[in-house]
């Protein structure tokens, strides 16, 4: 089940199952490494990038990612759209 993930850098991230990707037309393929993941696996929707990635790519990305304040309005817009689509209640 989709859930909002806290991370030390403050990015808006939603952990989802690969099956939940189907709700927005995704195909359970990592947007970074292009690896197919099984539908019972999970991954991470990174709102600021508008990407769904496998756990390995999420860890690599988070290690180097830098939060830019100019990206926050876009990130919030995308995050709200996907949270609503996945039935998540957000503040």
PDB file of N, CA and C in Angstrom:
ATOM      1  N   UNK A   1       0.835  -1.182   0.000  1.00  0.00           N
ATOM      2  CA  UNK A   1       0.000   0.000   0.000  1.00  0.00           C
ATOM      3  C   UNK A   1       0.877   1.241   0.000  1.00  0.00           C
ATOM      4  N   UNK A   2       0.498   2.205  -0.787  1.00  0.00           N
ATOM      5  CA  UNK A   2       1.269   3.441  -0.925  1.00  0.00           C
ATOM      6  C   UNK A   2       1.383   4.159   0.418  1.00  0.00           C
ATOM      7  N   UNK A   3       2.577   4.713   0.646  1.00  0.00           N
ATOM      8  CA  UNK A   3       2.790   5.496   1.867  1.00  0.00           C
ATOM      9  C   UNK A   3       3.829   6.571   1.620  1.00  0.00           C
ATOM     10  N   UNK A   4       3.646   7.702   2.283  1.00  0.00           N
ATOM     11  CA  UNK A   4       4.605   8.792   2.194  1.00  0.00           C
ATOM     12  C   UNK A   4       5.828   8.406   3.009  1.00  0.00           C
ATOM     13  N   UNK A   5       7.003   8.624   2.429  1.00  0.00           N
ATOM     14  CA  UNK A   5       8.263   8.246   3.060  1.00  0.00           C
ATOM     15  C   UNK A   5       9.007   9.500   3.525  1.00  0.00           C
ATOM     16  N   UNK A   6       9.437   9.466   4.768  1.00  0.00           N
ATOM     17  CA  UNK A   6      10.293  10.526   5.294  1.00  0.00           C
ATOM     18  C   UNK A   6      11.723  10.241   4.863  1.00  0.00           C
ATOM     19  N   UNK A   7      12.458  11.278   4.546  1.00  0.00           N
ATOM     20  CA  UNK A   7      13.874  11.097   4.234  1.00  0.00           C
ATOM     21  C   UNK A   7      14.642  12.269   4.818  1.00  0.00           C
ATOM     22  N   UNK A   8      15.917  12.105   5.079  1.00  0.00           N
ATOM     23  CA  UNK A   8      16.685  13.139   5.772  1.00  0.00           C
ATOM     24  C   UNK A   8      16.870  14.427   4.977  1.00  0.00           C
ATOM     25  N   UNK A   9      16.615  14.408   3.690  1.00  0.00           N
ATOM     26  CA  UNK A   9      16.820  15.597   2.871  1.00  0.00           C
ATOM     27  C   UNK A   9      15.539  16.388   2.621  1.00  0.00           C
ATOM     28  N   UNK A  10      14.400  15.848   3.034  1.00  0.00           N
ATOM     29  CA  UNK A  10      13.137  16.576   2.933  1.00  0.00           C
ATOM     30  C   UNK A  10      12.417  16.477   1.602  1.00  0.00           C
ATOM     31  N   UNK A  11      12.785  15.545   0.756  1.00  0.00           N
ATOM     32  CA  UNK A  11      12.081  15.361  -0.510  1.00  0.00           C
ATOM     33  C   UNK A  11      10.725  14.704  -0.267  1.00  0.00           C
ATOM     34  N   UNK A  12       9.771  14.984  -1.141  1.00  0.00           N
ATOM     35  CA  UNK A  12       8.452  14.351  -1.093  1.00  0.00           C
ATOM     36  C   UNK A  12       8.523  13.063  -1.911  1.00  0.00           C
ATOM     37  N   UNK A  13       8.387  11.932  -1.222  1.00  0.00           N
ATOM     38  CA  UNK A  13       8.541  10.619  -1.837  1.00  0.00           C
ATOM     39  C   UNK A  13       7.391   9.720  -1.387  1.00  0.00           C
ATOM     40  N   UNK A  14       6.894   8.918  -2.317  1.00  0.00           N
ATOM     41  CA  UNK A  14       5.841   7.959  -2.010  1.00  0.00           C
ATOM     42  C   UNK A  14       6.353   6.560  -2.353  1.00  0.00           C
ATOM     43  N   UNK A  15       6.329   5.683  -1.366  1.00  0.00           N
ATOM     44  CA  UNK A  15       6.688   4.288  -1.614  1.00  0.00           C
ATOM     45  C   UNK A  15       5.427   3.579  -2.107  1.00  0.00           C
ATOM     46  N   UNK A  16       5.545   2.873  -3.229  1.00  0.00           N
ATOM     47  CA  UNK A  16       4.393   2.181  -3.812  1.00  0.00           C
ATOM     48  C   UNK A  16       4.783   0.767  -4.218  1.00  0.00           C
ATOM     49  N   UNK A  17       3.783  -0.040  -4.404  1.00  0.00           N
ATOM     50  CA  UNK A  17       4.025  -1.326  -5.042  1.00  0.00           C
ATOM     51  C   UNK A  17       4.108  -1.075  -6.543  1.00  0.00           C
ATOM     52  N   UNK A  18       4.712  -1.985  -7.231  1.00  0.00           N
ATOM     53  CA  UNK A  18       4.787  -1.862  -8.685  1.00  0.00           C
ATOM     54  C   UNK A  18       3.385  -1.888  -9.289  1.00  0.00           C
ATOM     55  N   UNK A  19       2.492  -2.656  -8.710  1.00  0.00           N
ATOM     56  CA  UNK A  19       1.113  -2.723  -9.193  1.00  0.00           C
ATOM     57  C   UNK A  19       0.423  -1.363  -9.101  1.00  0.00           C
ATOM     58  N   UNK A  20       0.722  -0.599  -8.058  1.00  0.00           N
ATOM     59  CA  UNK A  20       0.111   0.727  -7.908  1.00  0.00           C
ATOM     60  C   UNK A  20       0.535   1.678  -9.022  1.00  0.00           C
ATOM     61  N   UNK A  21       1.662   1.406  -9.658  1.00  0.00           N
ATOM     62  CA  UNK A  21       2.103   2.234 -10.797  1.00  0.00           C
ATOM     63  C   UNK A  21       1.069   2.214 -11.923  1.00  0.00           C
ATOM     64  N   UNK A  22       0.324   1.138 -12.015  1.00  0.00           N
ATOM     65  CA  UNK A  22      -0.681   1.014 -13.069  1.00  0.00           C
ATOM     66  C   UNK A  22      -1.748   2.106 -12.956  1.00  0.00           C
ATOM     67  N   UNK A  23      -1.943   2.663 -11.758  1.00  0.00           N
ATOM     68  CA  UNK A  23      -2.946   3.702 -11.556  1.00  0.00           C
ATOM     69  C   UNK A  23      -2.627   4.964 -12.347  1.00  0.00           C
ATOM     70  N   UNK A  24      -1.356   5.189 -12.637  1.00  0.00           N
ATOM     71  CA  UNK A  24      -1.002   6.361 -13.443  1.00  0.00           C
ATOM     72  C   UNK A  24      -0.444   5.979 -14.810  1.00  0.00           C
ATOM     73  N   UNK A  25      -0.584   4.717 -15.160  1.00  0.00           N
ATOM     74  CA  UNK A  25      -0.132   4.268 -16.473  1.00  0.00           C
ATOM     75  C   UNK A  25       1.299   3.775 -16.503  1.00  0.00           C
ATOM     76  N   UNK A  26       1.922   3.644 -15.313  1.00  0.00           N
ATOM     77  CA  UNK A  26       3.283   3.126 -15.234  1.00  0.00           C
ATOM     78  C   UNK A  26       3.318   1.633 -15.522  1.00  0.00           C
ATOM     79  N   UNK A  27       4.500   1.146 -15.815  1.00  0.00           N
ATOM     80  CA  UNK A  27       4.649  -0.264 -16.190  1.00  0.00           C
ATOM     81  C   UNK A  27       5.626  -1.016 -15.290  1.00  0.00           C
ATOM     82  N   UNK A  28       5.891  -0.526 -14.090  1.00  0.00           N
ATOM     83  CA  UNK A  28       6.805  -1.177 -13.152  1.00  0.00           C
ATOM     84  C   UNK A  28       8.200  -1.339 -13.740  1.00  0.00           C
ATOM     85  N   UNK A  29       8.655  -0.278 -14.377  1.00  0.00           N
ATOM     86  CA  UNK A  29      10.009  -0.217 -14.919  1.00  0.00           C
ATOM     87  C   UNK A  29      10.681   0.995 -14.277  1.00  0.00           C
ATOM     88  N   UNK A  30      11.846   0.786 -13.717  1.00  0.00           N
ATOM     89  CA  UNK A  30      12.573   1.874 -13.062  1.00  0.00           C
ATOM     90  C   UNK A  30      12.920   2.960 -14.074  1.00  0.00           C
ATOM     91  N   UNK A  31      12.593   4.199 -13.750  1.00  0.00           N
ATOM     92  CA  UNK A  31      12.881   5.321 -14.637  1.00  0.00           C
ATOM     93  C   UNK A  31      14.361   5.683 -14.681  1.00  0.00           C
ATOM     94  N   UNK A  32      15.176   5.085 -13.842  1.00  0.00           N
ATOM     95  CA  UNK A  32      16.611   5.371 -13.864  1.00  0.00           C
ATOM     96  C   UNK A  32      17.421   4.264 -14.524  1.00  0.00           C
ATOM     97  N   UNK A  33      17.235   3.024 -14.088  1.00  0.00           N
ATOM     98  CA  UNK A  33      18.055   1.929 -14.639  1.00  0.00           C
ATOM     99  C   UNK A  33      17.321   1.120 -15.707  1.00  0.00           C
ATOM    100  N   UNK A  34      16.033   1.401 -15.880  1.00  0.00           N
ATOM    101  CA  UNK A  34      15.201   0.739 -16.893  1.00  0.00           C
ATOM    102  C   UNK A  34      14.971  -0.740 -16.598  1.00  0.00           C
ATOM    103  N   UNK A  35      15.211  -1.161 -15.354  1.00  0.00           N
ATOM    104  CA  UNK A  35      15.007  -2.550 -14.960  1.00  0.00           C
ATOM    105  C   UNK A  35      13.521  -2.794 -14.684  1.00  0.00           C
ATOM    106  N   UNK A  36      12.998  -3.900 -15.216  1.00  0.00           N
ATOM    107  CA  UNK A  36      11.633  -4.303 -14.896  1.00  0.00           C
ATOM    108  C   UNK A  36      11.624  -4.873 -13.490  1.00  0.00           C
ATOM    109  N   UNK A  37      10.602  -4.547 -12.739  1.00  0.00           N
ATOM    110  CA  UNK A  37      10.458  -5.124 -11.406  1.00  0.00           C
ATOM    111  C   UNK A  37       9.152  -5.900 -11.352  1.00  0.00           C
ATOM    112  N   UNK A  38       9.119  -6.929 -10.538  1.00  0.00           N
ATOM    113  CA  UNK A  38       7.912  -7.737 -10.443  1.00  0.00           C
ATOM    114  C   UNK A  38       6.806  -6.916  -9.789  1.00  0.00           C
ATOM    115  N   UNK A  39       5.577  -7.259 -10.116  1.00  0.00           N
ATOM    116  CA  UNK A  39       4.445  -6.477  -9.624  1.00  0.00           C
ATOM    117  C   UNK A  39       4.218  -6.608  -8.128  1.00  0.00           C
ATOM    118  N   UNK A  40       4.867  -7.543  -7.471  1.00  0.00           N
ATOM    119  CA  UNK A  40       4.743  -7.624  -6.017  1.00  0.00           C
ATOM    120  C   UNK A  40       5.888  -6.893  -5.318  1.00  0.00           C
ATOM    121  N   UNK A  41       6.776  -6.271  -6.101  1.00  0.00           N
ATOM    122  CA  UNK A  41       7.886  -5.488  -5.546  1.00  0.00           C
ATOM    123  C   UNK A  41       7.426  -4.060  -5.274  1.00  0.00           C
ATOM    124  N   UNK A  42       8.257  -3.312  -4.591  1.00  0.00           N
ATOM    125  CA  UNK A  42       7.938  -1.909  -4.337  1.00  0.00           C
ATOM    126  C   UNK A  42       9.033  -1.026  -4.901  1.00  0.00           C
ATOM    127  N   UNK A  43       8.710   0.237  -5.006  1.00  0.00           N
ATOM    128  CA  UNK A  43       9.645   1.238  -5.485  1.00  0.00           C
ATOM    129  C   UNK A  43       9.238   2.582  -4.920  1.00  0.00           C
ATOM    130  N   UNK A  44       9.855   3.632  -5.431  1.00  0.00           N
ATOM    131  CA  UNK A  44       9.662   4.962  -4.868  1.00  0.00           C
ATOM    132  C   UNK A  44       9.318   5.965  -5.960  1.00  0.00           C
ATOM    133  N   UNK A  45       8.233   6.715  -5.730  1.00  0.00           N
ATOM    134  CA  UNK A  45       7.884   7.801  -6.631  1.00  0.00           C
ATOM    135  C   UNK A  45       8.514   9.062  -6.052  1.00  0.00           C
ATOM    136  N   UNK A  46       9.439   9.652  -6.801  1.00  0.00           N
ATOM    137  CA  UNK A  46      10.144  10.861  -6.381  1.00  0.00           C
ATOM    138  C   UNK A  46       9.466  12.035  -7.079  1.00  0.00           C
ATOM    139  N   UNK A  47       8.695  12.794  -6.318  1.00  0.00           N
ATOM    140  CA  UNK A  47       7.856  13.838  -6.915  1.00  0.00           C
ATOM    141  C   UNK A  47       8.659  14.900  -7.664  1.00  0.00           C
ATOM    142  N   UNK A  48       9.755  15.351  -7.114  1.00  0.00           N
ATOM    143  CA  UNK A  48      10.521  16.425  -7.750  1.00  0.00           C
ATOM    144  C   UNK A  48      11.072  16.005  -9.116  1.00  0.00           C
ATOM    145  N   UNK A  49      11.282  14.718  -9.312  1.00  0.00           N
ATOM    146  CA  UNK A  49      11.752  14.205 -10.601  1.00  0.00           C
ATOM    147  C   UNK A  49      10.619  13.676 -11.467  1.00  0.00           C
ATOM    148  N   UNK A  50       9.449  13.454 -10.850  1.00  0.00           N
ATOM    149  CA  UNK A  50       8.315  12.819 -11.523  1.00  0.00           C
ATOM    150  C   UNK A  50       8.749  11.453 -12.068  1.00  0.00           C
ATOM    151  N   UNK A  51       9.498  10.710 -11.222  1.00  0.00           N
ATOM    152  CA  UNK A  51      10.034   9.394 -11.592  1.00  0.00           C
ATOM    153  C   UNK A  51       9.643   8.360 -10.554  1.00  0.00           C
ATOM    154  N   UNK A  52       9.454   7.133 -11.028  1.00  0.00           N
ATOM    155  CA  UNK A  52       9.307   5.972 -10.144  1.00  0.00           C
ATOM    156  C   UNK A  52      10.561   5.138 -10.316  1.00  0.00           C
ATOM    157  N   UNK A  53      11.221   4.805  -9.199  1.00  0.00           N
ATOM    158  CA  UNK A  53      12.505   4.113  -9.273  1.00  0.00           C
ATOM    159  C   UNK A  53      12.523   2.897  -8.347  1.00  0.00           C
ATOM    160  N   UNK A  54      13.394   1.954  -8.692  1.00  0.00           N
ATOM    161  CA  UNK A  54      13.583   0.767  -7.858  1.00  0.00           C
ATOM    162  C   UNK A  54      14.327   1.168  -6.570  1.00  0.00           C
ATOM    163  N   UNK A  55      14.301   0.321  -5.554  1.00  0.00           N
ATOM    164  CA  UNK A  55      14.973   0.647  -4.294  1.00  0.00           C
ATOM    165  C   UNK A  55      16.466   0.958  -4.452  1.00  0.00           C
ATOM    166  N   UNK A  56      17.152   0.234  -5.315  1.00  0.00           N
ATOM    167  CA  UNK A  56      18.589   0.466  -5.498  1.00  0.00           C
ATOM    168  C   UNK A  56      18.851   1.857  -6.074  1.00  0.00           C
ATOM    169  N   UNK A  57      18.083   2.237  -7.071  1.00  0.00           N
ATOM    170  CA  UNK A  57      18.267   3.558  -7.684  1.00  0.00           C
ATOM    171  C   UNK A  57      17.836   4.674  -6.741  1.00  0.00           C
ATOM    172  N   UNK A  58      16.814   4.422  -5.927  1.00  0.00           N
ATOM    173  CA  UNK A  58      16.393   5.418  -4.944  1.00  0.00           C
ATOM    174  C   UNK A  58      17.533   5.699  -3.963  1.00  0.00           C
ATOM    175  N   UNK A  59      18.156   4.656  -3.455  1.00  0.00           N
ATOM    176  CA  UNK A  59      19.260   4.838  -2.513  1.00  0.00           C
ATOM    177  C   UNK A  59      20.414   5.614  -3.140  1.00  0.00           C
ATOM    178  N   UNK A  60      20.759   5.276  -4.381  1.00  0.00           N
ATOM    179  CA  UNK A  60      21.847   5.983  -5.076  1.00  0.00           C
ATOM    180  C   UNK A  60      21.488   7.450  -5.302  1.00  0.00           C
ATOM    181  N   UNK A  61      20.239   7.691  -5.715  1.00  0.00           N
ATOM    182  CA  UNK A  61      19.801   9.061  -5.978  1.00  0.00           C
ATOM    183  C   UNK A  61      19.817   9.882  -4.691  1.00  0.00           C
ATOM    184  N   UNK A  62      19.235   9.344  -3.609  1.00  0.00           N
ATOM    185  CA  UNK A  62      19.131  10.087  -2.356  1.00  0.00           C
ATOM    186  C   UNK A  62      20.502  10.441  -1.795  1.00  0.00           C
ATOM    187  N   UNK A  63      21.459   9.578  -2.016  1.00  0.00           N
ATOM    188  CA  UNK A  63      22.813   9.832  -1.524  1.00  0.00           C
ATOM    189  C   UNK A  63      23.396  11.124  -2.112  1.00  0.00           C
ATOM    190  N   UNK A  64      23.087  11.404  -3.380  1.00  0.00           N
ATOM    191  CA  UNK A  64      23.674  12.562  -4.063  1.00  0.00           C
ATOM    192  C   UNK A  64      22.717  13.727  -4.260  1.00  0.00           C
ATOM    193  N   UNK A  65      21.434  13.509  -4.034  1.00  0.00           N
ATOM    194  CA  UNK A  65      20.422  14.523  -4.334  1.00  0.00           C
ATOM    195  C   UNK A  65      20.583  15.767  -3.467  1.00  0.00           C
ATOM    196  N   UNK A  66      20.293  16.893  -4.065  1.00  0.00           N
ATOM    197  CA  UNK A  66      20.331  18.179  -3.372  1.00  0.00           C
ATOM    198  C   UNK A  66      18.954  18.820  -3.527  1.00  0.00           C
ATOM    199  N   UNK A  67      18.372  19.228  -2.410  1.00  0.00           N
ATOM    200  CA  UNK A  67      17.058  19.860  -2.415  1.00  0.00           C
ATOM    201  C   UNK A  67      17.219  21.345  -2.738  1.00  0.00           C
ATOM    202  N   UNK A  68      16.614  21.778  -3.827  1.00  0.00           N
ATOM    203  CA  UNK A  68      16.673  23.184  -4.241  1.00  0.00           C
ATOM    204  C   UNK A  68      15.330  23.840  -3.963  1.00  0.00           C
ATOM    205  N   UNK A  69      15.353  24.976  -3.275  1.00  0.00           N
ATOM    206  CA  UNK A  69      14.091  25.625  -2.894  1.00  0.00           C
ATOM    207  C   UNK A  69      13.268  26.037  -4.111  1.00  0.00           C
ATOM    208  N   UNK A  70      13.910  26.335  -5.225  1.00  0.00           N
ATOM    209  CA  UNK A  70      13.173  26.715  -6.429  1.00  0.00           C
ATOM    210  C   UNK A  70      12.340  25.560  -6.993  1.00  0.00           C
ATOM    211  N   UNK A  71      12.676  24.334  -6.642  1.00  0.00           N
ATOM    212  CA  UNK A  71      11.941  23.157  -7.123  1.00  0.00           C
ATOM    213  C   UNK A  71      10.706  22.834  -6.279  1.00  0.00           C
ATOM    214  N   UNK A  72      10.588  23.435  -5.103  1.00  0.00           N
ATOM    215  CA  UNK A  72       9.526  23.066  -4.166  1.00  0.00           C
ATOM    216  C   UNK A  72       8.115  23.247  -4.722  1.00  0.00           C
ATOM    217  N   UNK A  73       7.783  24.341  -5.435  1.00  0.00           N
ATOM    218  CA  UNK A  73       6.414  24.456  -5.963  1.00  0.00           C
ATOM    219  C   UNK A  73       6.070  23.333  -6.948  1.00  0.00           C
ATOM    220  N   UNK A  74       6.998  22.996  -7.832  1.00  0.00           N
ATOM    221  CA  UNK A  74       6.770  21.904  -8.786  1.00  0.00           C
ATOM    222  C   UNK A  74       6.625  20.587  -8.035  1.00  0.00           C
ATOM    223  N   UNK A  75       7.526  20.336  -7.093  1.00  0.00           N
ATOM    224  CA  UNK A  75       7.489  19.099  -6.322  1.00  0.00           C
ATOM    225  C   UNK A  75       6.144  18.953  -5.605  1.00  0.00           C
ATOM    226  N   UNK A  76       5.665  20.014  -4.981  1.00  0.00           N
ATOM    227  CA  UNK A  76       4.390  19.971  -4.256  1.00  0.00           C
ATOM    228  C   UNK A  76       3.226  19.688  -5.187  1.00  0.00           C
ATOM    229  N   UNK A  77       3.226  20.318  -6.352  1.00  0.00           N
ATOM    230  CA  UNK A  77       2.156  20.110  -7.331  1.00  0.00           C
ATOM    231  C   UNK A  77       2.094  18.645  -7.764  1.00  0.00           C
ATOM    232  N   UNK A  78       3.233  18.091  -8.132  1.00  0.00           N
ATOM    233  CA  UNK A  78       3.293  16.700  -8.585  1.00  0.00           C
ATOM    234  C   UNK A  78       2.954  15.747  -7.441  1.00  0.00           C
ATOM    235  N   UNK A  79       3.487  16.012  -6.264  1.00  0.00           N
ATOM    236  CA  UNK A  79       3.226  15.167  -5.108  1.00  0.00           C
ATOM    237  C   UNK A  79       1.735  15.104  -4.800  1.00  0.00           C
ATOM    238  N   UNK A  80       1.062  16.241  -4.789  1.00  0.00           N
ATOM    239  CA  UNK A  80      -0.371  16.280  -4.500  1.00  0.00           C
ATOM    240  C   UNK A  80      -1.159  15.482  -5.534  1.00  0.00           C
ATOM    241  N   UNK A  81      -0.791  15.606  -6.797  1.00  0.00           N
ATOM    242  CA  UNK A  81      -1.475  14.875  -7.864  1.00  0.00           C
ATOM    243  C   UNK A  81      -1.382  13.359  -7.640  1.00  0.00           C
ATOM    244  N   UNK A  82      -0.184  12.867  -7.369  1.00  0.00           N
ATOM    245  CA  UNK A  82       0.008  11.423  -7.201  1.00  0.00           C
ATOM    246  C   UNK A  82      -0.554  10.922  -5.880  1.00  0.00           C
ATOM    247  N   UNK A  83      -0.445  11.717  -4.834  1.00  0.00           N
ATOM    248  CA  UNK A  83      -1.019  11.320  -3.545  1.00  0.00           C
ATOM    249  C   UNK A  83      -2.533  11.153  -3.678  1.00  0.00           C
ATOM    250  N   UNK A  84      -3.177  12.070  -4.364  1.00  0.00           N
ATOM    251  CA  UNK A  84      -4.619  11.970  -4.588  1.00  0.00           C
ATOM    252  C   UNK A  84      -4.952  10.720  -5.416  1.00  0.00           C
ATOM    253  N   UNK A  85      -4.192  10.496  -6.461  1.00  0.00           N
ATOM    254  CA  UNK A  85      -4.417   9.355  -7.334  1.00  0.00           C
ATOM    255  C   UNK A  85      -4.288   8.041  -6.570  1.00  0.00           C
ATOM    256  N   UNK A  86      -3.377   8.003  -5.606  1.00  0.00           N
ATOM    257  CA  UNK A  86      -3.130   6.793  -4.813  1.00  0.00           C
ATOM    258  C   UNK A  86      -3.993   6.720  -3.560  1.00  0.00           C
ATOM    259  N   UNK A  87      -4.849   7.719  -3.350  1.00  0.00           N
ATOM    260  CA  UNK A  87      -5.756   7.700  -2.199  1.00  0.00           C
ATOM    261  C   UNK A  87      -5.092   8.014  -0.873  1.00  0.00           C
ATOM    262  N   UNK A  88      -3.985   8.742  -0.922  1.00  0.00           N
ATOM    263  CA  UNK A  88      -3.291   9.120   0.319  1.00  0.00           C
ATOM    264  C   UNK A  88      -3.850  10.432   0.848  1.00  0.00           C
ATOM    265  N   UNK A  89      -4.065  10.506   2.142  1.00  0.00           N
ATOM    266  CA  UNK A  89      -4.486  11.778   2.731  1.00  0.00           C
ATOM    267  C   UNK A  89      -3.224  12.533   3.141  1.00  0.00           C
ATOM    268  N   UNK A  90      -3.133  13.758   2.670  1.00  0.00           N
ATOM    269  CA  UNK A  90      -1.967  14.599   2.998  1.00  0.00           C
ATOM    270  C   UNK A  90      -2.463  15.906   3.559  1.00  0.00           C
ATOM    271  N   UNK A  91      -1.595  16.584   4.253  1.00  0.00           N
ATOM    272  CA  UNK A  91      -1.967  17.861   4.880  1.00  0.00           C
ATOM    273  C   UNK A  91      -1.842  19.005   3.922  1.00  0.00           C
TER     274      UNK A  91
END
